[in-house]
Amino acid sequence: MGYHFEGLLGKEKSLKAFQNLHPECQIVNLHQDLFVIPFVEEKIQKTDSINSEIKKISQLDKIAYLEACFHGGRGYQNAELYENGLCRVFKDDRNAFNKILKIFEVYAKWFKDEFDTVNFGRHRKTEDWLNSEEIYQKNL
C-alpha cells in the first residue's frame, strides 16, 4: 500500500492567509490547532511564486511545505520550514515530517512517533484529504 502527501502545514492564521491568496484551496483540520492545505494538481502546484508567497506569510507565523511518497517501504520525505521569511530544508530525510511536527510542538505519545500521534496516515493519498470530514468548517 502506498502513501502520498503534498501540501502545507501550519496554524490557522498562516493557512488562512495562504487561502486568501488561493481561495480554491481547502484547509483541513489535522490535530488540535494544526491544519493542512493539501496540494492537488487540479487546484494548486508548488511554484516559485508560491514559494515567495509562503515566505511572506511566514512573517506572521511559521508554515511548512511537506511532501512524501512511499510504496512498498521505499520512498522519500521532504520538508521546508518557513519562518520569519527564511526557509530551512529537510531533503530526502526519512524523519522530515516528524522533525517539522516537533517544531510545531507535537510530541510523540505512547509508542508512536509524531506522524502517528497526529494521525497523518489517516489518508493514503493527498486527494483523500479533500474528501474528508475534517475540512475546516470556517471555510464554509
Protein backbone atom coordinates (compact mmCIF):
# COMPACT_ATOMS: atom_id res chain seq x y z
CA MET A 1 0.00 0.00 0.00
CA GLY A 2 1.35 3.42 -0.92
CA TYR A 3 1.29 6.81 0.72
CA HIS A 4 1.42 10.23 -0.92
CA PHE A 5 1.02 13.69 0.59
CA GLU A 6 1.90 17.13 -0.67
CA GLY A 7 0.81 20.34 0.97
CA LEU A 8 1.19 22.97 3.66
CA LEU A 9 1.13 22.54 7.42
CA GLY A 10 0.55 25.34 9.86
CA LYS A 11 -1.65 27.13 12.34
CA GLU A 12 -4.95 28.72 11.37
CA LYS A 13 -3.56 32.24 10.92
CA SER A 14 -0.90 31.34 8.36
CA LEU A 15 -3.03 28.91 6.38
CA LYS A 16 -5.94 31.36 6.22
CA ALA A 17 -3.50 33.95 4.83
CA PHE A 18 -2.49 31.46 2.12
CA GLN A 19 -6.12 30.56 1.42
CA ASN A 20 -6.94 34.27 0.97
CA LEU A 21 -4.45 34.27 -1.93
CA HIS A 22 -5.74 30.93 -3.24
CA PRO A 23 -9.45 30.58 -2.46
CA GLU A 24 -9.56 27.30 -4.38
CA CYS A 25 -7.57 25.68 -1.55
CA GLN A 26 -9.21 23.95 1.36
CA ILE A 27 -7.96 23.89 4.92
CA VAL A 28 -8.26 20.55 6.69
CA ASN A 29 -8.00 20.01 10.43
CA LEU A 30 -5.03 17.76 11.24
CA HIS A 31 -4.69 17.77 15.01
CA GLN A 32 -5.73 20.23 17.71
CA ASP A 33 -4.67 23.63 16.34
CA LEU A 34 -2.69 22.29 13.36
CA PHE A 35 -4.10 22.29 9.86
CA VAL A 36 -3.05 21.25 6.35
CA ILE A 37 -3.77 22.56 2.87
CA PRO A 38 -3.44 19.60 0.51
CA PHE A 39 -1.85 20.46 -2.85
CA VAL A 40 -3.87 18.69 -5.51
CA GLU A 41 -2.63 19.25 -9.07
CA GLU A 42 -6.01 20.37 -10.39
CA LYS A 43 -6.14 23.11 -7.75
CA ILE A 44 -2.57 24.19 -6.92
CA GLN A 45 1.04 23.28 -7.57
CA LYS A 46 4.20 24.46 -5.85
CA THR A 47 5.96 27.08 -7.97
CA ASP A 48 8.47 29.87 -7.40
CA SER A 49 5.63 32.35 -6.91
CA ILE A 50 4.03 30.04 -4.31
CA ASN A 51 7.42 29.86 -2.53
CA SER A 52 7.54 33.67 -2.43
CA GLU A 53 4.02 33.83 -1.00
CA ILE A 54 4.86 31.26 1.67
CA LYS A 55 7.99 33.23 2.66
CA LYS A 56 5.88 36.39 3.08
CA ILE A 57 3.24 34.53 5.11
CA SER A 58 5.96 33.10 7.36
CA GLN A 59 6.42 36.61 8.73
CA LEU A 60 3.06 36.05 10.51
CA ASP A 61 3.81 32.55 11.81
CA LYS A 62 5.82 29.54 10.79
CA ILE A 63 4.46 27.41 7.96
CA ALA A 64 5.81 24.21 6.38
CA TYR A 65 5.63 22.62 2.98
CA LEU A 66 5.61 18.81 3.21
CA GLU A 67 5.79 16.08 0.62
CA ALA A 68 6.13 12.34 0.95
CA CYS A 69 5.74 9.39 -1.36
CA PHE A 70 6.11 5.78 -0.26
CA HIS A 71 5.27 2.47 -1.87
CA GLY A 72 6.35 -0.93 -0.64
CA GLY A 73 8.52 0.55 2.10
CA ARG A 74 10.54 2.69 -0.31
CA GLY A 75 10.14 6.37 -0.84
CA TYR A 76 11.03 9.81 0.42
CA GLN A 77 10.02 12.67 2.68
CA ASN A 78 10.92 16.29 2.06
CA ALA A 79 10.01 19.33 4.08
CA GLU A 80 10.62 23.05 4.01
CA LEU A 81 10.10 25.10 7.13
CA TYR A 82 9.39 28.80 6.54
CA GLU A 83 9.82 31.10 9.50
CA ASN A 84 10.44 34.85 9.59
CA GLY A 85 10.91 34.89 5.81
CA LEU A 86 13.63 32.22 5.87
CA CYS A 87 13.48 28.66 4.61
CA ARG A 88 15.07 25.60 6.23
CA VAL A 89 15.10 22.48 4.03
CA PHE A 90 14.82 18.83 5.13
CA LYS A 91 15.56 16.98 1.86
CA ASP A 92 15.40 13.21 1.50
CA ASP A 93 15.05 12.91 5.26
CA ARG A 94 13.01 9.88 6.34
CA ASN A 95 12.08 11.80 9.50
CA ALA A 96 11.25 15.13 7.84
CA PHE A 97 7.57 15.07 8.88
CA ASN A 98 8.43 14.17 12.48
CA LYS A 99 11.06 16.92 12.70
CA ILE A 100 8.60 19.50 11.39
CA LEU A 101 5.85 18.29 13.72
CA LYS A 102 8.22 18.62 16.70
CA ILE A 103 8.93 22.21 15.66
CA PHE A 104 5.15 22.75 15.75
CA GLU A 105 5.20 21.32 19.30
CA VAL A 106 3.73 17.91 18.55
CA TYR A 107 5.29 15.28 20.76
CA ALA A 108 5.07 11.52 20.30
CA LYS A 109 2.75 9.61 22.59
CA TRP A 110 2.59 6.02 23.75
CA PHE A 111 4.96 4.19 21.43
CA LYS A 112 4.02 6.35 18.45
CA ASP A 113 6.04 8.86 16.52
CA GLU A 114 4.79 12.40 15.83
CA PHE A 115 3.39 11.35 12.43
CA ASP A 116 1.20 8.71 14.07
CA THR A 117 0.36 10.93 17.06
CA VAL A 118 -1.44 13.38 14.74
CA ASN A 119 -2.72 10.50 12.57
CA PHE A 120 -1.11 11.89 9.41
CA GLY A 121 -1.53 8.48 7.78
CA ARG A 122 -5.34 8.51 8.01
CA HIS A 123 -5.48 9.29 4.28
CA ARG A 124 -3.15 7.48 1.88
CA LYS A 125 -3.43 9.99 -1.00
CA THR A 126 -3.38 13.78 -0.99
CA GLU A 127 -6.75 13.97 -2.77
CA ASP A 128 -8.41 11.96 0.00
CA TRP A 129 -7.86 14.83 2.47
CA LEU A 130 -10.25 16.93 0.38
CA ASN A 131 -12.98 14.29 0.60
CA SER A 132 -12.75 14.01 4.36
CA GLU A 133 -14.98 15.20 7.17
CA GLU A 134 -12.08 17.19 8.62
CA ILE A 135 -12.49 20.09 6.17
CA TYR A 136 -12.15 23.21 8.27
CA GLN A 137 -15.69 24.46 8.92
CA LYS A 138 -14.76 28.14 8.91
CA ASN A 139 -14.26 27.69 5.14
CA LEU A 140 -18.00 27.40 4.68
